[in-house]
């Protein structure tokens, strides 16, 4: 459902989703969907969107350092997804110090 909603807003992007693999068992999607075994308790699921046509920006360092307004005009606009409450499926774990 999330991928379909996003495709309506940003049709020139390809969406991927997959559970994160932990430990030595690297995900078929590579490092973006792989984490160290120490994080297995997170049971994470990730989404990723990639532009179908990669963007080439000339003089990127100059734009980043000197012209934030130009950078904002080049990059795609933010997309906000409202997913609703996670309280029935998620909790906050505090690390003991």
C-alpha atoms as a PDB file:
ATOM      1  CA  UNK A   1       0.000   0.000   0.000  1.00  0.00           C
ATOM      2  CA  UNK A   2       2.805   2.442   0.864  1.00  0.00           C
ATOM      3  CA  UNK A   3       4.552   1.809  -2.465  1.00  0.00           C
ATOM      4  CA  UNK A   4       1.345   2.395  -4.445  1.00  0.00           C
ATOM      5  CA  UNK A   5       0.617   5.639  -2.602  1.00  0.00           C
ATOM      6  CA  UNK A   6       4.150   6.891  -3.186  1.00  0.00           C
ATOM      7  CA  UNK A   7       4.022   5.962  -6.907  1.00  0.00           C
ATOM      8  CA  UNK A   8       0.976   8.192  -7.343  1.00  0.00           C
ATOM      9  CA  UNK A   9       2.850  11.154  -5.880  1.00  0.00           C
ATOM     10  CA  UNK A  10       6.287  10.451  -7.393  1.00  0.00           C
ATOM     11  CA  UNK A  11       5.690   8.409 -10.573  1.00  0.00           C
ATOM     12  CA  UNK A  12       9.321   8.602 -11.756  1.00  0.00           C
ATOM     13  CA  UNK A  13      10.649   6.595  -8.800  1.00  0.00           C
ATOM     14  CA  UNK A  14      10.913   2.842  -8.288  1.00  0.00           C
ATOM     15  CA  UNK A  15      10.030   1.542  -4.836  1.00  0.00           C
ATOM     16  CA  UNK A  16      11.472  -1.450  -3.020  1.00  0.00           C
ATOM     17  CA  UNK A  17      10.644  -2.954   0.348  1.00  0.00           C
ATOM     18  CA  UNK A  18      12.180  -5.833   2.223  1.00  0.00           C
ATOM     19  CA  UNK A  19      12.840  -7.000   5.739  1.00  0.00           C
ATOM     20  CA  UNK A  20      16.300  -6.263   7.076  1.00  0.00           C
ATOM     21  CA  UNK A  21      18.691  -9.226   7.303  1.00  0.00           C
ATOM     22  CA  UNK A  22      20.911  -9.431  10.381  1.00  0.00           C
ATOM     23  CA  UNK A  23      24.366 -10.888  10.918  1.00  0.00           C
ATOM     24  CA  UNK A  24      26.355 -12.620   8.201  1.00  0.00           C
ATOM     25  CA  UNK A  25      23.232 -13.293   6.112  1.00  0.00           C
ATOM     26  CA  UNK A  26      23.337 -10.222   3.846  1.00  0.00           C
ATOM     27  CA  UNK A  27      20.110  -9.168   2.168  1.00  0.00           C
ATOM     28  CA  UNK A  28      19.714  -9.684  -1.591  1.00  0.00           C
ATOM     29  CA  UNK A  29      19.222  -5.887  -1.693  1.00  0.00           C
ATOM     30  CA  UNK A  30      22.709  -5.390  -0.237  1.00  0.00           C
ATOM     31  CA  UNK A  31      23.963  -3.236   2.587  1.00  0.00           C
ATOM     32  CA  UNK A  32      20.922  -0.925   2.667  1.00  0.00           C
ATOM     33  CA  UNK A  33      18.837  -3.836   3.955  1.00  0.00           C
ATOM     34  CA  UNK A  34      21.501  -5.504   6.138  1.00  0.00           C
ATOM     35  CA  UNK A  35      22.586  -4.830   9.734  1.00  0.00           C
ATOM     36  CA  UNK A  36      24.823  -6.343  12.379  1.00  0.00           C
ATOM     37  CA  UNK A  37      23.318  -9.198  14.422  1.00  0.00           C
ATOM     38  CA  UNK A  38      23.344  -6.974  17.544  1.00  0.00           C
ATOM     39  CA  UNK A  39      20.283  -5.183  16.105  1.00  0.00           C
ATOM     40  CA  UNK A  40      18.167  -8.295  15.447  1.00  0.00           C
ATOM     41  CA  UNK A  41      15.768  -7.275  18.249  1.00  0.00           C
ATOM     42  CA  UNK A  42      14.621  -4.358  16.042  1.00  0.00           C
ATOM     43  CA  UNK A  43      12.954  -6.661  13.482  1.00  0.00           C
ATOM     44  CA  UNK A  44      13.175  -3.821  10.970  1.00  0.00           C
ATOM     45  CA  UNK A  45      11.468  -3.497   7.606  1.00  0.00           C
ATOM     46  CA  UNK A  46      12.685  -0.833   5.176  1.00  0.00           C
ATOM     47  CA  UNK A  47      11.405   1.022   2.147  1.00  0.00           C
ATOM     48  CA  UNK A  48      13.597   2.567  -0.530  1.00  0.00           C
ATOM     49  CA  UNK A  49      12.789   4.692  -3.565  1.00  0.00           C
ATOM     50  CA  UNK A  50      15.223   5.275  -6.419  1.00  0.00           C
ATOM     51  CA  UNK A  51      14.788   7.702  -9.315  1.00  0.00           C
ATOM     52  CA  UNK A  52      14.326   5.932 -12.659  1.00  0.00           C
ATOM     53  CA  UNK A  53      16.499   8.564 -14.310  1.00  0.00           C
ATOM     54  CA  UNK A  54      19.502   9.429 -12.093  1.00  0.00           C
ATOM     55  CA  UNK A  55      20.080  13.137 -11.614  1.00  0.00           C
ATOM     56  CA  UNK A  56      23.457  14.607 -12.544  1.00  0.00           C
ATOM     57  CA  UNK A  57      24.216  17.897 -10.805  1.00  0.00           C
ATOM     58  CA  UNK A  58      27.147  19.905 -12.091  1.00  0.00           C
ATOM     59  CA  UNK A  59      29.213  21.807  -9.484  1.00  0.00           C
ATOM     60  CA  UNK A  60      27.471  20.043  -6.588  1.00  0.00           C
ATOM     61  CA  UNK A  61      30.079  21.084  -3.990  1.00  0.00           C
ATOM     62  CA  UNK A  62      29.671  24.721  -4.971  1.00  0.00           C
ATOM     63  CA  UNK A  63      25.885  24.519  -4.781  1.00  0.00           C
ATOM     64  CA  UNK A  64      25.937  22.777  -1.386  1.00  0.00           C
ATOM     65  CA  UNK A  65      28.373  25.283   0.127  1.00  0.00           C
ATOM     66  CA  UNK A  66      27.196  28.518  -1.470  1.00  0.00           C
ATOM     67  CA  UNK A  67      23.647  28.304  -2.730  1.00  0.00           C
ATOM     68  CA  UNK A  68      21.148  26.419  -0.544  1.00  0.00           C
ATOM     69  CA  UNK A  69      18.188  27.932  -2.411  1.00  0.00           C
ATOM     70  CA  UNK A  70      19.429  26.519  -5.730  1.00  0.00           C
ATOM     71  CA  UNK A  71      19.958  23.129  -4.084  1.00  0.00           C
ATOM     72  CA  UNK A  72      16.361  23.146  -2.793  1.00  0.00           C
ATOM     73  CA  UNK A  73      15.078  23.951  -6.284  1.00  0.00           C
ATOM     74  CA  UNK A  74      17.018  21.011  -7.822  1.00  0.00           C
ATOM     75  CA  UNK A  75      16.109  18.283  -5.322  1.00  0.00           C
ATOM     76  CA  UNK A  76      12.662  16.633  -5.357  1.00  0.00           C
ATOM     77  CA  UNK A  77      10.132  17.917  -2.835  1.00  0.00           C
ATOM     78  CA  UNK A  78       9.596  16.027   0.406  1.00  0.00           C
ATOM     79  CA  UNK A  79       6.873  13.407   0.504  1.00  0.00           C
ATOM     80  CA  UNK A  80       5.097  12.853   3.801  1.00  0.00           C
ATOM     81  CA  UNK A  81       3.292   9.613   4.490  1.00  0.00           C
ATOM     82  CA  UNK A  82       0.877   9.384   7.403  1.00  0.00           C
ATOM     83  CA  UNK A  83       0.829   5.813   8.635  1.00  0.00           C
ATOM     84  CA  UNK A  84      -1.211   6.152  11.793  1.00  0.00           C
ATOM     85  CA  UNK A  85      -0.419   4.932  15.262  1.00  0.00           C
ATOM     86  CA  UNK A  86       2.284   2.331  15.836  1.00  0.00           C
ATOM     87  CA  UNK A  87       1.554   1.816  19.540  1.00  0.00           C
ATOM     88  CA  UNK A  88      -0.020  -1.605  19.006  1.00  0.00           C
ATOM     89  CA  UNK A  89       3.056  -2.907  17.131  1.00  0.00           C
ATOM     90  CA  UNK A  90       5.991  -0.855  18.462  1.00  0.00           C
ATOM     91  CA  UNK A  91       7.549   0.150  21.756  1.00  0.00           C
ATOM     92  CA  UNK A  92      10.489   2.211  22.946  1.00  0.00           C
ATOM     93  CA  UNK A  93      13.400   0.312  24.485  1.00  0.00           C
ATOM     94  CA  UNK A  94      15.755   2.244  26.716  1.00  0.00           C
ATOM     95  CA  UNK A  95      19.406   1.268  26.873  1.00  0.00           C
ATOM     96  CA  UNK A  96      20.663   0.642  30.389  1.00  0.00           C
ATOM     97  CA  UNK A  97      23.625   2.868  31.227  1.00  0.00           C
END
